[in-house]
Amino acid sequence: MDTIISNTHKAASIHKQIRKELDDFIKPDMELINICKFIENKIRTLSEPNQINNGIAFPTGVSLNNIAAHWTPIKQTDKTMVTTDDVLKIDFGVHHDGCIVDSAYTWTNTPKYDPLLNASKEAVDTIIKNIGVGTTISEIGEMSEEIISSYEIELDGKTIPIKPIDNLCGHSIKPWHIHAGKFIYPVKNLETTKVEEDDILAIEIFTTTGSGTTVLDNKSSHFMLTEHYQHHINHLQYQKSKKLLSIIENKFKTLPFTQRFLDFHQSDFKHYGTFLNDLFNNQIITSYPALIDPEPNCFTAQFEHTIYVSETKKINFSEIC
């Protein structure tokens, strides 16, 4: 466990350095691709040589307004912008030898959204303060929902209750596995699973002015190898699908990737969409579409930290001092 903690600290030092620089970098009317480039190029520069995907643990999430999570530009030419009245979730990850720091925060250019942000941040901070070995998922959910339901926000002359998003969860993390089996719900639930000794957990809470749940978008920009993908390789329709699989194995291993990562690592492999679909259709990769609150004019917020829990200590790897 000492090696995992040491490697996670190395990843965390890079994450925190970038996080400290982001607020000065982001400006209204900036293209989201430029935020992704800033973060991912910094990770590549600061990570040690020979790290898988240059130390990038997963595609940078830059999700606007009612898009809660898993939105990232697919192409470098994407022109989507953040404006002065948007709520932007920035979710990025750094790894060192597969040990991942997954942390997120919400950026806005106006204080009117503060209650929405504060509800998420207070819930995350309170959970981290109170969590320990033996804490149940149900206790965490109850704590989160109680805090968030005490918040409301005034927008356009209306008072709106703030809700937790019930189907977006925190999760356990293990080396090379961003989702390692435990899911931490932000609402009251009957889950009796407990936090255990040496757990590394992503504590994340999403809040919304909308419906309180999310639905899947019809496009995917996040992909990852499935657990038993080797069993399906012989079913592939195209030889070039096997070439693409080899690139994914070598460049990303079991970490999530996006289409523009393929462009970065294999610029001479053009028009790979058919082969990406072949991998997906044969259960070699899985996809993670953007998650959207179905109320189109609502706003969502997110805060997240990666922590370590044992009987004798608790570490918040991504906390900014």
Protein backbone atom coordinates (compact mmCIF):
# COMPACT_ATOMS: atom_id res chain seq x y z
CA MET A 1 0.00 0.00 0.00
CA ASP A 2 2.92 2.37 0.64
CA THR A 3 3.86 2.32 -3.05
CA ILE A 4 0.28 3.11 -4.10
CA ILE A 5 0.09 6.03 -1.65
CA SER A 6 3.48 7.34 -2.80
CA ASN A 7 2.50 7.15 -6.47
CA THR A 8 -0.87 8.78 -5.78
CA HIS A 9 0.92 11.64 -4.01
CA LYS A 10 3.06 12.12 -7.15
CA ALA A 11 -0.06 12.31 -9.29
CA ALA A 12 -1.69 14.65 -6.77
CA SER A 13 1.19 17.14 -6.85
CA ILE A 14 0.70 17.56 -10.60
CA HIS A 15 -3.09 17.81 -10.27
CA LYS A 16 -2.87 20.47 -7.57
CA GLN A 17 -0.34 22.56 -9.48
CA ILE A 18 -2.61 22.65 -12.53
CA ARG A 19 -5.71 23.33 -10.45
CA LYS A 20 -4.05 26.37 -8.88
CA GLU A 21 -3.36 27.83 -12.34
CA LEU A 22 -6.77 27.20 -13.88
CA ASP A 23 -8.77 30.10 -12.46
CA ASP A 24 -6.29 32.63 -13.87
CA PHE A 25 -6.29 30.85 -17.22
CA ILE A 26 -10.04 30.46 -17.84
CA LYS A 27 -11.87 33.45 -19.25
CA PRO A 28 -15.45 33.93 -20.54
CA ASP A 29 -15.85 33.25 -24.26
CA MET A 30 -12.96 30.78 -24.23
CA GLU A 31 -13.26 27.63 -26.32
CA LEU A 32 -13.50 24.53 -24.14
CA ILE A 33 -10.92 22.72 -26.26
CA ASN A 34 -8.36 25.29 -25.12
CA ILE A 35 -9.09 24.48 -21.47
CA CYS A 36 -8.57 20.79 -22.25
CA LYS A 37 -5.33 21.52 -24.11
CA PHE A 38 -4.05 23.62 -21.20
CA ILE A 39 -4.75 20.87 -18.65
CA GLU A 40 -3.61 17.91 -20.73
CA ASN A 41 -0.45 19.57 -22.05
CA LYS A 42 0.46 20.52 -18.49
CA ILE A 43 -0.01 16.91 -17.37
CA ARG A 44 2.18 15.71 -20.25
CA THR A 45 4.89 18.23 -19.35
CA LEU A 46 4.88 17.60 -15.61
CA SER A 47 4.59 13.81 -15.66
CA GLU A 48 7.64 11.59 -15.63
CA PRO A 49 8.70 10.09 -18.98
CA ASN A 50 7.14 6.83 -20.16
CA GLN A 51 3.89 7.24 -18.22
CA ILE A 52 0.94 5.66 -20.03
CA ASN A 53 -0.89 8.42 -21.97
CA ASN A 54 1.71 10.86 -20.60
CA GLY A 55 0.14 10.74 -17.13
CA ILE A 56 -3.39 11.69 -18.27
CA ALA A 57 -5.81 9.45 -16.37
CA PHE A 58 -8.93 10.18 -18.43
CA PRO A 59 -10.29 12.79 -20.87
CA THR A 60 -10.75 16.21 -19.33
CA GLY A 61 -14.44 16.80 -18.62
CA VAL A 62 -15.68 20.29 -19.47
CA SER A 63 -19.43 20.00 -18.98
CA LEU A 64 -21.65 23.06 -19.33
CA ASN A 65 -24.89 23.91 -17.50
CA ASN A 66 -27.35 21.00 -17.65
CA ILE A 67 -24.59 18.66 -18.89
CA ALA A 68 -23.35 17.24 -15.61
CA ALA A 69 -20.45 15.00 -16.63
CA HIS A 70 -18.45 13.16 -19.29
CA TRP A 71 -18.50 15.86 -21.95
CA THR A 72 -15.22 16.58 -23.71
CA PRO A 73 -14.47 17.87 -27.22
CA ILE A 74 -14.03 14.98 -29.64
CA LYS A 75 -11.98 17.01 -32.12
CA GLN A 76 -9.37 19.75 -31.77
CA THR A 77 -11.54 21.92 -34.03
CA ASP A 78 -14.55 21.96 -31.67
CA LYS A 79 -15.76 25.56 -31.17
CA THR A 80 -17.94 25.13 -28.05
CA MET A 81 -17.33 28.06 -25.69
CA VAL A 82 -17.92 28.91 -22.05
CA THR A 83 -19.73 32.24 -21.67
CA THR A 84 -20.06 34.69 -18.83
CA ASP A 85 -23.36 33.15 -17.68
CA ASP A 86 -22.38 29.46 -17.83
CA VAL A 87 -21.71 26.92 -15.10
CA LEU A 88 -18.71 24.81 -16.08
CA LYS A 89 -17.65 21.55 -14.41
CA ILE A 90 -13.95 20.81 -14.87
CA ASP A 91 -13.08 17.21 -14.09
CA PHE A 92 -9.55 15.96 -14.80
CA GLY A 93 -7.35 13.14 -13.68
CA VAL A 94 -3.63 12.45 -13.31
CA HIS A 95 -2.00 9.09 -12.75
CA HIS A 96 1.46 7.88 -11.82
CA ASP A 97 2.07 4.23 -12.68
CA GLY A 98 -1.70 3.76 -12.76
CA CYS A 99 -2.38 5.35 -9.36
CA ILE A 100 -5.08 7.91 -10.10
CA VAL A 101 -6.10 11.27 -8.65
CA ASP A 102 -9.62 12.14 -9.81
CA SER A 103 -10.76 15.60 -8.78
CA ALA A 104 -13.19 18.22 -10.07
CA TYR A 105 -14.55 21.66 -9.34
CA THR A 106 -17.06 24.09 -10.82
CA TRP A 107 -16.14 27.41 -12.46
CA THR A 108 -18.51 30.33 -12.91
CA ASN A 109 -18.05 34.00 -13.70
CA THR A 110 -20.89 35.24 -11.49
CA PRO A 111 -21.75 34.82 -7.79
CA LYS A 112 -25.43 34.18 -8.50
CA TYR A 113 -24.72 30.45 -8.76
CA ASP A 114 -22.88 30.29 -5.43
CA PRO A 115 -25.62 28.36 -3.59
CA LEU A 116 -25.54 25.63 -6.24
CA LEU A 117 -21.76 25.34 -5.95
CA ASN A 118 -21.70 25.64 -2.18
CA ALA A 119 -24.22 22.82 -1.75
CA SER A 120 -21.94 20.42 -3.64
CA LYS A 121 -18.77 21.64 -1.95
CA GLU A 122 -20.22 21.49 1.58
CA ALA A 123 -21.52 17.97 0.99
CA VAL A 124 -18.12 16.77 -0.24
CA ASP A 125 -16.23 18.49 2.59
CA THR A 126 -18.61 17.12 5.24
CA ILE A 127 -18.39 13.58 3.92
CA ILE A 128 -14.59 13.71 3.90
CA LYS A 129 -14.55 15.08 7.44
CA ASN A 130 -16.85 12.35 8.77
CA ILE A 131 -15.97 9.30 6.68
CA GLY A 132 -13.98 6.46 8.19
CA VAL A 133 -13.45 2.72 8.10
CA GLY A 134 -16.89 1.18 8.71
CA THR A 135 -18.94 4.10 7.38
CA THR A 136 -21.74 2.74 5.20
CA ILE A 137 -22.76 4.01 1.78
CA SER A 138 -26.24 4.65 3.19
CA GLU A 139 -24.81 6.90 5.93
CA ILE A 140 -22.90 8.90 3.32
CA GLY A 141 -25.99 9.28 1.15
CA GLU A 142 -28.11 10.48 4.05
CA MET A 143 -25.43 13.01 5.04
CA SER A 144 -25.21 14.33 1.49
CA GLU A 145 -28.94 14.65 0.90
CA GLU A 146 -29.55 16.40 4.21
CA ILE A 147 -26.94 19.06 3.42
CA ILE A 148 -28.00 19.67 -0.17
CA SER A 149 -31.72 19.86 0.62
CA SER A 150 -31.02 22.79 2.94
CA TYR A 151 -29.96 24.93 -0.05
CA GLU A 152 -32.01 26.94 -2.49
CA ILE A 153 -31.13 29.43 -5.20
CA GLU A 154 -32.85 32.45 -6.71
CA LEU A 155 -32.67 32.66 -10.50
CA ASP A 156 -34.76 34.94 -12.71
CA GLY A 157 -36.95 35.90 -9.76
CA LYS A 158 -37.75 32.29 -8.83
CA THR A 159 -36.65 30.43 -5.74
CA ILE A 160 -35.50 26.94 -6.76
CA PRO A 161 -34.67 24.09 -4.39
CA ILE A 162 -31.27 22.54 -5.03
CA LYS A 163 -31.21 18.76 -5.41
CA PRO A 164 -28.51 16.10 -5.45
CA ILE A 165 -28.22 14.20 -8.73
CA ASP A 166 -29.25 10.71 -7.65
CA ASN A 167 -27.58 8.60 -10.34
CA LEU A 168 -24.09 10.14 -10.36
CA CYS A 169 -21.90 8.53 -7.71
CA GLY A 170 -18.53 8.69 -6.09
CA HIS A 171 -16.48 5.52 -6.44
CA SER A 172 -13.54 3.51 -5.25
CA ILE A 173 -10.28 3.67 -7.20
CA LYS A 174 -7.59 1.03 -7.63
CA PRO A 175 -4.41 1.12 -9.73
CA TRP A 176 -5.36 1.26 -13.43
CA HIS A 177 -9.08 1.12 -12.54
CA ILE A 178 -10.91 4.44 -12.19
CA HIS A 179 -14.12 2.66 -11.09
CA ALA A 180 -13.09 -0.16 -8.77
CA GLY A 181 -16.39 -1.58 -7.53
CA LYS A 182 -17.79 0.64 -4.77
CA PHE A 183 -20.29 3.34 -5.69
CA ILE A 184 -21.07 6.13 -3.25
CA TYR A 185 -24.58 7.47 -3.71
CA PRO A 186 -25.37 11.12 -2.86
CA VAL A 187 -28.94 10.41 -1.69
CA LYS A 188 -30.60 8.28 0.97
CA ASN A 189 -30.30 4.60 0.13
CA LEU A 190 -30.27 1.14 1.68
CA GLU A 191 -26.73 0.20 0.60
CA THR A 192 -24.91 -1.54 3.48
CA THR A 193 -21.48 -1.66 1.82
CA LYS A 194 -18.88 -0.15 4.12
CA VAL A 195 -15.71 1.86 3.68
CA GLU A 196 -12.80 -0.49 4.33
CA GLU A 197 -9.18 -0.24 5.45
CA ASP A 198 -6.92 1.19 2.71
CA ASP A 199 -9.80 2.32 0.48
CA ILE A 200 -8.99 5.03 -2.05
CA LEU A 201 -12.22 6.84 -2.89
CA ALA A 202 -13.38 9.59 -5.21
CA ILE A 203 -15.86 11.59 -3.15
CA GLU A 204 -17.95 13.55 -5.65
CA ILE A 205 -21.34 15.19 -5.37
CA PHE A 206 -23.37 16.72 -8.19
CA THR A 207 -26.08 19.28 -7.49
CA THR A 208 -28.75 20.61 -9.82
CA THR A 209 -31.51 23.17 -10.19
CA GLY A 210 -33.31 20.68 -12.42
CA SER A 211 -34.81 17.22 -12.17
CA GLY A 212 -32.35 15.55 -9.78
CA THR A 213 -31.30 12.82 -12.22
CA THR A 214 -29.45 12.48 -15.53
CA VAL A 215 -29.97 10.73 -18.84
CA LEU A 216 -27.41 9.58 -21.42
CA ASP A 217 -26.54 11.72 -24.40
CA ASN A 218 -26.63 10.03 -27.81
CA LYS A 219 -22.91 10.67 -28.47
CA SER A 220 -19.91 9.19 -26.69
CA SER A 221 -16.54 10.83 -26.19
CA HIS A 222 -15.20 8.51 -23.44
CA PHE A 223 -14.20 4.90 -24.06
CA MET A 224 -12.41 2.21 -22.07
CA LEU A 225 -11.39 -1.43 -22.49
CA THR A 226 -13.85 -3.88 -20.96
CA GLU A 227 -12.68 -6.27 -18.27
CA HIS A 228 -12.61 -9.47 -20.35
CA TYR A 229 -12.12 -7.96 -23.80
CA GLN A 230 -9.57 -10.60 -24.88
CA HIS A 231 -12.38 -13.17 -25.21
CA HIS A 232 -13.95 -11.18 -28.06
CA ILE A 233 -10.98 -10.29 -30.27
CA ASN A 234 -11.61 -13.12 -32.75
CA HIS A 235 -15.07 -11.70 -33.45
CA LEU A 236 -13.74 -8.46 -34.92
CA GLN A 237 -14.86 -7.73 -38.45
CA TYR A 238 -11.84 -5.73 -39.66
CA GLN A 239 -8.09 -6.24 -39.48
CA LYS A 240 -7.66 -2.53 -38.81
CA SER A 241 -9.84 -2.94 -35.70
CA LYS A 242 -7.07 -5.13 -34.30
CA LYS A 243 -4.53 -2.42 -35.14
CA LEU A 244 -6.67 0.12 -33.31
CA LEU A 245 -6.98 -2.23 -30.34
CA SER A 246 -3.20 -2.54 -30.21
CA ILE A 247 -2.90 1.27 -30.08
CA ILE A 248 -5.44 1.42 -27.24
CA GLU A 249 -3.64 -1.30 -25.27
CA ASN A 250 -0.24 0.36 -25.67
CA LYS A 251 -1.23 3.98 -25.21
CA PHE A 252 -4.05 3.83 -22.63
CA LYS A 253 -4.05 0.35 -21.09
CA THR A 254 -7.25 0.21 -18.95
CA LEU A 255 -7.57 4.00 -18.63
CA PRO A 256 -10.40 5.92 -20.36
CA PHE A 257 -9.58 7.67 -23.63
CA THR A 258 -11.27 9.87 -26.20
CA GLN A 259 -11.12 10.26 -29.97
CA ARG A 260 -8.71 13.21 -29.88
CA PHE A 261 -6.29 11.13 -27.79
CA LEU A 262 -6.20 8.69 -30.69
CA ASP A 263 -5.44 11.60 -33.02
CA PHE A 264 -2.60 12.71 -30.71
CA HIS A 265 -0.96 9.29 -30.44
CA GLN A 266 -1.60 7.96 -33.94
CA SER A 267 -1.92 10.85 -36.36
CA ASP A 268 -1.45 8.64 -39.43
CA PHE A 269 -4.42 6.39 -38.53
CA LYS A 270 -7.30 8.33 -40.09
CA HIS A 271 -11.02 7.51 -40.28
CA TYR A 272 -10.99 5.04 -37.38
CA GLY A 273 -14.70 5.53 -36.52
CA THR A 274 -15.73 2.28 -38.21
CA PHE A 275 -13.09 0.35 -36.29
CA LEU A 276 -13.97 2.02 -32.99
CA ASN A 277 -17.57 0.90 -33.57
CA ASP A 278 -16.34 -2.61 -34.36
CA LEU A 279 -14.55 -2.72 -31.00
CA PHE A 280 -17.65 -1.42 -29.23
CA ASN A 281 -20.06 -3.78 -30.98
CA ASN A 282 -17.88 -6.73 -29.98
CA GLN A 283 -17.71 -5.72 -26.29
CA ILE A 284 -14.00 -4.94 -26.41
CA ILE A 285 -14.52 -1.34 -25.38
CA THR A 286 -17.36 0.29 -23.51
CA SER A 287 -18.53 3.88 -23.94
CA TYR A 288 -19.46 6.60 -21.47
CA PRO A 289 -21.77 9.19 -23.06
CA ALA A 290 -22.26 12.61 -21.53
CA LEU A 291 -24.74 12.68 -18.63
CA ILE A 292 -27.38 15.38 -18.91
CA ASP A 293 -30.13 16.67 -16.63
CA PRO A 294 -33.17 16.49 -18.93
CA GLU A 295 -34.41 19.93 -17.85
CA PRO A 296 -32.72 21.95 -20.63
CA ASN A 297 -32.47 25.30 -18.83
CA CYS A 298 -31.16 24.00 -15.53
CA PHE A 299 -27.65 24.20 -14.08
CA THR A 300 -25.50 21.54 -12.43
CA ALA A 301 -22.40 21.73 -10.24
CA GLN A 302 -19.75 19.26 -9.09
CA PHE A 303 -16.92 19.08 -6.58
CA GLU A 304 -14.73 16.02 -6.10
CA HIS A 305 -11.66 14.90 -4.16
CA THR A 306 -9.67 11.67 -4.07
CA ILE A 307 -9.05 10.43 -0.52
CA TYR A 308 -7.40 7.53 1.30
CA VAL A 309 -9.02 6.03 4.40
CA SER A 310 -7.52 3.79 7.08
CA GLU A 311 -8.00 3.27 10.80
CA THR A 312 -5.03 5.47 11.60
CA LYS A 313 -5.11 8.22 8.97
CA LYS A 314 -7.06 9.93 6.24
CA ILE A 315 -5.44 11.65 3.25
CA ASN A 316 -7.12 14.13 0.94
CA PHE A 317 -4.80 13.85 -2.04
CA SER A 318 -6.38 16.61 -4.13
CA GLU A 319 -7.07 19.21 -1.45
CA ILE A 320 -5.69 22.65 -2.32
CA CYS A 321 -3.94 24.08 0.76
